[in-house]
Amino acid sequence: MNNIYFKGSEAAGSVAKISQPQPKKYEKPAEQTLQTDTVNFRGHAGDSAAESAGKTIAGLAILAAAIVGGFGYAHKAGWIGKLKNENFKNFLTKMSEPCYNACHKTKEFAMKYYGKVKNFFTKKS
């Protein structure tokens, strides 16, 4: 009962036999040297501001394209015409019609130049 040991998973005052060697009465802890002389409190040391700004701008562009495409598809499918509240329906119609026109013109442009790009990159034998 005289041995109180705080190392490992044993509780203080355990009566079980301790298999690890007992520490000396006073041991000076080993000195630990730091690897570098700089301190970095950021979580990701390799990130730069340019990469973060580029990712943010790309994410916002993708989100805007998804919103415009969603409003355009809602206008094309006629979902907005099924709403009962006239004020809300008129507001969404004013928002979705330009989105539909932009999507339609983008689709026409892509279909028009798809053949030209495809022919440019395919081998003619």
C-alpha atoms as a PDB file:
ATOM      1  CA  MET A   1       0.000   0.000   0.000  1.00  0.00           C
ATOM      2  CA  ASN A   2       2.985   2.321   0.221  1.00  0.00           C
ATOM      3  CA  ASN A   3       3.648   2.339  -3.519  1.00  0.00           C
ATOM      4  CA  ILE A   4       1.505   4.951  -5.270  1.00  0.00           C
ATOM      5  CA  TYR A   5       2.205   4.953  -8.963  1.00  0.00           C
ATOM      6  CA  PHE A   6       0.754   7.337 -11.566  1.00  0.00           C
ATOM      7  CA  LYS A   7       2.294   5.903 -14.736  1.00  0.00           C
ATOM      8  CA  GLY A   8       0.460   3.774 -17.290  1.00  0.00           C
ATOM      9  CA  SER A   9      -3.155   2.789 -16.907  1.00  0.00           C
ATOM     10  CA  GLU A  10      -3.062   1.966 -13.206  1.00  0.00           C
ATOM     11  CA  ALA A  11      -4.982   4.019 -10.746  1.00  0.00           C
ATOM     12  CA  ALA A  12      -3.211   5.671  -7.823  1.00  0.00           C
ATOM     13  CA  GLY A  13      -2.916   3.323  -4.882  1.00  0.00           C
ATOM     14  CA  SER A  14      -3.408   0.157  -6.894  1.00  0.00           C
ATOM     15  CA  VAL A  15      -2.454  -3.014  -5.075  1.00  0.00           C
ATOM     16  CA  ALA A  16      -1.488  -4.799  -8.286  1.00  0.00           C
ATOM     17  CA  LYS A  17       2.164  -5.560  -8.842  1.00  0.00           C
ATOM     18  CA  ILE A  18       3.787  -2.934 -11.058  1.00  0.00           C
ATOM     19  CA  SER A  19       5.703  -4.470 -13.926  1.00  0.00           C
ATOM     20  CA  GLN A  20       7.401  -1.253 -14.987  1.00  0.00           C
ATOM     21  CA  PRO A  21      10.456  -0.044 -13.112  1.00  0.00           C
ATOM     22  CA  GLN A  22       9.851   2.538 -10.424  1.00  0.00           C
ATOM     23  CA  PRO A  23      11.123   6.013 -11.224  1.00  0.00           C
ATOM     24  CA  LYS A  24      13.836   7.473  -9.085  1.00  0.00           C
ATOM     25  CA  LYS A  25      12.909   9.953  -6.456  1.00  0.00           C
ATOM     26  CA  TYR A  26      13.827  12.882  -8.760  1.00  0.00           C
ATOM     27  CA  GLU A  27      14.688  12.659 -12.411  1.00  0.00           C
ATOM     28  CA  LYS A  28      15.411  15.716 -14.491  1.00  0.00           C
ATOM     29  CA  PRO A  29      13.328  15.528 -17.664  1.00  0.00           C
ATOM     30  CA  ALA A  30      15.235  15.259 -20.905  1.00  0.00           C
ATOM     31  CA  GLU A  31      15.624  18.561 -22.718  1.00  0.00           C
ATOM     32  CA  GLN A  32      13.645  18.852 -25.897  1.00  0.00           C
ATOM     33  CA  THR A  33      14.929  21.097 -28.630  1.00  0.00           C
ATOM     34  CA  LEU A  34      12.641  22.705 -31.155  1.00  0.00           C
ATOM     35  CA  GLN A  35      13.117  21.798 -34.795  1.00  0.00           C
ATOM     36  CA  THR A  36      12.762  25.360 -36.091  1.00  0.00           C
ATOM     37  CA  ASP A  37      12.846  28.854 -34.690  1.00  0.00           C
ATOM     38  CA  THR A  38       9.534  29.964 -36.269  1.00  0.00           C
ATOM     39  CA  VAL A  39       6.028  29.587 -34.951  1.00  0.00           C
ATOM     40  CA  ASN A  40       3.066  29.021 -37.250  1.00  0.00           C
ATOM     41  CA  PHE A  41      -0.431  29.255 -35.828  1.00  0.00           C
ATOM     42  CA  ARG A  42      -2.227  28.520 -39.110  1.00  0.00           C
ATOM     43  CA  GLY A  43      -3.685  25.108 -39.693  1.00  0.00           C
ATOM     44  CA  HIS A  44      -2.451  24.755 -43.273  1.00  0.00           C
ATOM     45  CA  ALA A  45       1.035  26.149 -43.654  1.00  0.00           C
ATOM     46  CA  GLY A  46       1.218  25.589 -47.432  1.00  0.00           C
ATOM     47  CA  ASP A  47      -1.860  27.589 -48.433  1.00  0.00           C
ATOM     48  CA  SER A  48      -1.375  30.978 -49.968  1.00  0.00           C
ATOM     49  CA  ALA A  49      -3.807  33.837 -50.398  1.00  0.00           C
ATOM     50  CA  ALA A  50      -3.847  33.478 -54.200  1.00  0.00           C
ATOM     51  CA  GLU A  51      -4.972  29.859 -54.053  1.00  0.00           C
ATOM     52  CA  SER A  52      -7.709  30.690 -51.577  1.00  0.00           C
ATOM     53  CA  ALA A  53      -8.962  33.610 -53.665  1.00  0.00           C
ATOM     54  CA  GLY A  54      -8.957  31.479 -56.822  1.00  0.00           C
ATOM     55  CA  LYS A  55     -10.931  28.724 -55.127  1.00  0.00           C
ATOM     56  CA  THR A  56     -13.418  31.238 -53.756  1.00  0.00           C
ATOM     57  CA  ILE A  57     -13.956  32.904 -57.131  1.00  0.00           C
ATOM     58  CA  ALA A  58     -14.341  29.545 -58.886  1.00  0.00           C
ATOM     59  CA  GLY A  59     -16.828  28.381 -56.255  1.00  0.00           C
ATOM     60  CA  LEU A  60     -18.892  31.549 -56.596  1.00  0.00           C
ATOM     61  CA  ALA A  61     -18.884  31.243 -60.401  1.00  0.00           C
ATOM     62  CA  ILE A  62     -20.112  27.653 -60.211  1.00  0.00           C
ATOM     63  CA  LEU A  63     -22.807  28.635 -57.706  1.00  0.00           C
ATOM     64  CA  ALA A  64     -23.976  31.512 -59.927  1.00  0.00           C
ATOM     65  CA  ALA A  65     -24.116  29.226 -62.976  1.00  0.00           C
ATOM     66  CA  ALA A  66     -26.162  26.692 -61.018  1.00  0.00           C
ATOM     67  CA  ILE A  67     -28.620  29.358 -59.873  1.00  0.00           C
ATOM     68  CA  VAL A  68     -29.027  30.791 -63.380  1.00  0.00           C
ATOM     69  CA  GLY A  69     -29.462  27.295 -64.810  1.00  0.00           C
ATOM     70  CA  GLY A  70     -32.021  26.421 -62.144  1.00  0.00           C
ATOM     71  CA  PHE A  71     -34.098  29.532 -62.818  1.00  0.00           C
ATOM     72  CA  GLY A  72     -33.859  28.915 -66.563  1.00  0.00           C
ATOM     73  CA  TYR A  73     -35.042  25.328 -66.206  1.00  0.00           C
ATOM     74  CA  ALA A  74     -37.871  26.382 -63.880  1.00  0.00           C
ATOM     75  CA  HIS A  75     -39.038  28.860 -66.523  1.00  0.00           C
ATOM     76  CA  LYS A  76     -38.770  26.274 -69.314  1.00  0.00           C
ATOM     77  CA  ALA A  77     -40.606  23.569 -67.344  1.00  0.00           C
ATOM     78  CA  GLY A  78     -43.416  25.951 -66.389  1.00  0.00           C
ATOM     79  CA  TRP A  79     -43.036  25.492 -62.646  1.00  0.00           C
ATOM     80  CA  ILE A  80     -43.331  29.204 -61.986  1.00  0.00           C
ATOM     81  CA  GLY A  81     -46.692  29.414 -63.790  1.00  0.00           C
ATOM     82  CA  LYS A  82     -48.159  26.918 -61.321  1.00  0.00           C
ATOM     83  CA  LEU A  83     -47.685  29.223 -58.314  1.00  0.00           C
ATOM     84  CA  LYS A  84     -50.842  30.658 -56.744  1.00  0.00           C
ATOM     85  CA  ASN A  85     -49.466  33.943 -55.372  1.00  0.00           C
ATOM     86  CA  GLU A  86     -49.557  36.408 -58.291  1.00  0.00           C
ATOM     87  CA  ASN A  87     -47.011  38.863 -56.868  1.00  0.00           C
ATOM     88  CA  PHE A  88     -44.461  36.124 -56.206  1.00  0.00           C
ATOM     89  CA  LYS A  89     -45.190  34.548 -59.609  1.00  0.00           C
ATOM     90  CA  ASN A  90     -44.606  37.873 -61.408  1.00  0.00           C
ATOM     91  CA  PHE A  91     -41.385  38.461 -59.470  1.00  0.00           C
ATOM     92  CA  LEU A  92     -40.020  34.998 -60.296  1.00  0.00           C
ATOM     93  CA  THR A  93     -41.074  35.338 -63.938  1.00  0.00           C
ATOM     94  CA  LYS A  94     -39.111  38.580 -64.224  1.00  0.00           C
ATOM     95  CA  MET A  95     -36.082  36.813 -62.718  1.00  0.00           C
ATOM     96  CA  SER A  96     -36.340  33.532 -64.615  1.00  0.00           C
ATOM     97  CA  GLU A  97     -36.978  34.834 -68.123  1.00  0.00           C
ATOM     98  CA  PRO A  98     -33.505  36.448 -68.552  1.00  0.00           C
ATOM     99  CA  CYS A  99     -31.944  33.315 -67.047  1.00  0.00           C
ATOM    100  CA  TYR A 100     -33.763  31.153 -69.579  1.00  0.00           C
ATOM    101  CA  ASN A 101     -32.660  33.424 -72.435  1.00  0.00           C
ATOM    102  CA  ALA A 102     -29.033  33.292 -71.268  1.00  0.00           C
ATOM    103  CA  CYS A 103     -29.139  29.497 -71.013  1.00  0.00           C
ATOM    104  CA  HIS A 104     -30.778  29.215 -74.433  1.00  0.00           C
ATOM    105  CA  LYS A 105     -28.150  31.447 -76.098  1.00  0.00           C
ATOM    106  CA  THR A 106     -25.348  29.529 -74.366  1.00  0.00           C
ATOM    107  CA  LYS A 107     -26.774  26.247 -75.634  1.00  0.00           C
ATOM    108  CA  GLU A 108     -27.088  27.611 -79.191  1.00  0.00           C
ATOM    109  CA  PHE A 109     -23.483  28.876 -79.090  1.00  0.00           C
ATOM    110  CA  ALA A 110     -22.205  25.521 -77.821  1.00  0.00           C
ATOM    111  CA  MET A 111     -24.130  23.545 -80.451  1.00  0.00           C
ATOM    112  CA  LYS A 112     -22.986  25.891 -83.220  1.00  0.00           C
ATOM    113  CA  TYR A 113     -19.282  25.608 -82.450  1.00  0.00           C
ATOM    114  CA  TYR A 114     -19.197  22.012 -81.183  1.00  0.00           C
ATOM    115  CA  GLY A 115     -18.881  20.604 -84.711  1.00  0.00           C
ATOM    116  CA  LYS A 116     -16.099  23.013 -85.630  1.00  0.00           C
ATOM    117  CA  VAL A 117     -14.053  22.154 -82.551  1.00  0.00           C
ATOM    118  CA  LYS A 118     -14.696  18.435 -82.990  1.00  0.00           C
ATOM    119  CA  ASN A 119     -13.541  18.514 -86.628  1.00  0.00           C
ATOM    120  CA  PHE A 120     -10.436  20.509 -85.688  1.00  0.00           C
ATOM    121  CA  PHE A 121      -9.264  17.911 -83.145  1.00  0.00           C
ATOM    122  CA  THR A 122     -10.197  14.713 -85.019  1.00  0.00           C
ATOM    123  CA  LYS A 123      -7.787  13.141 -87.446  1.00  0.00           C
ATOM    124  CA  LYS A 124      -8.832  13.058 -91.028  1.00  0.00           C
ATOM    125  CA  SER A 125      -7.679   9.880 -92.732  1.00  0.00           C
END
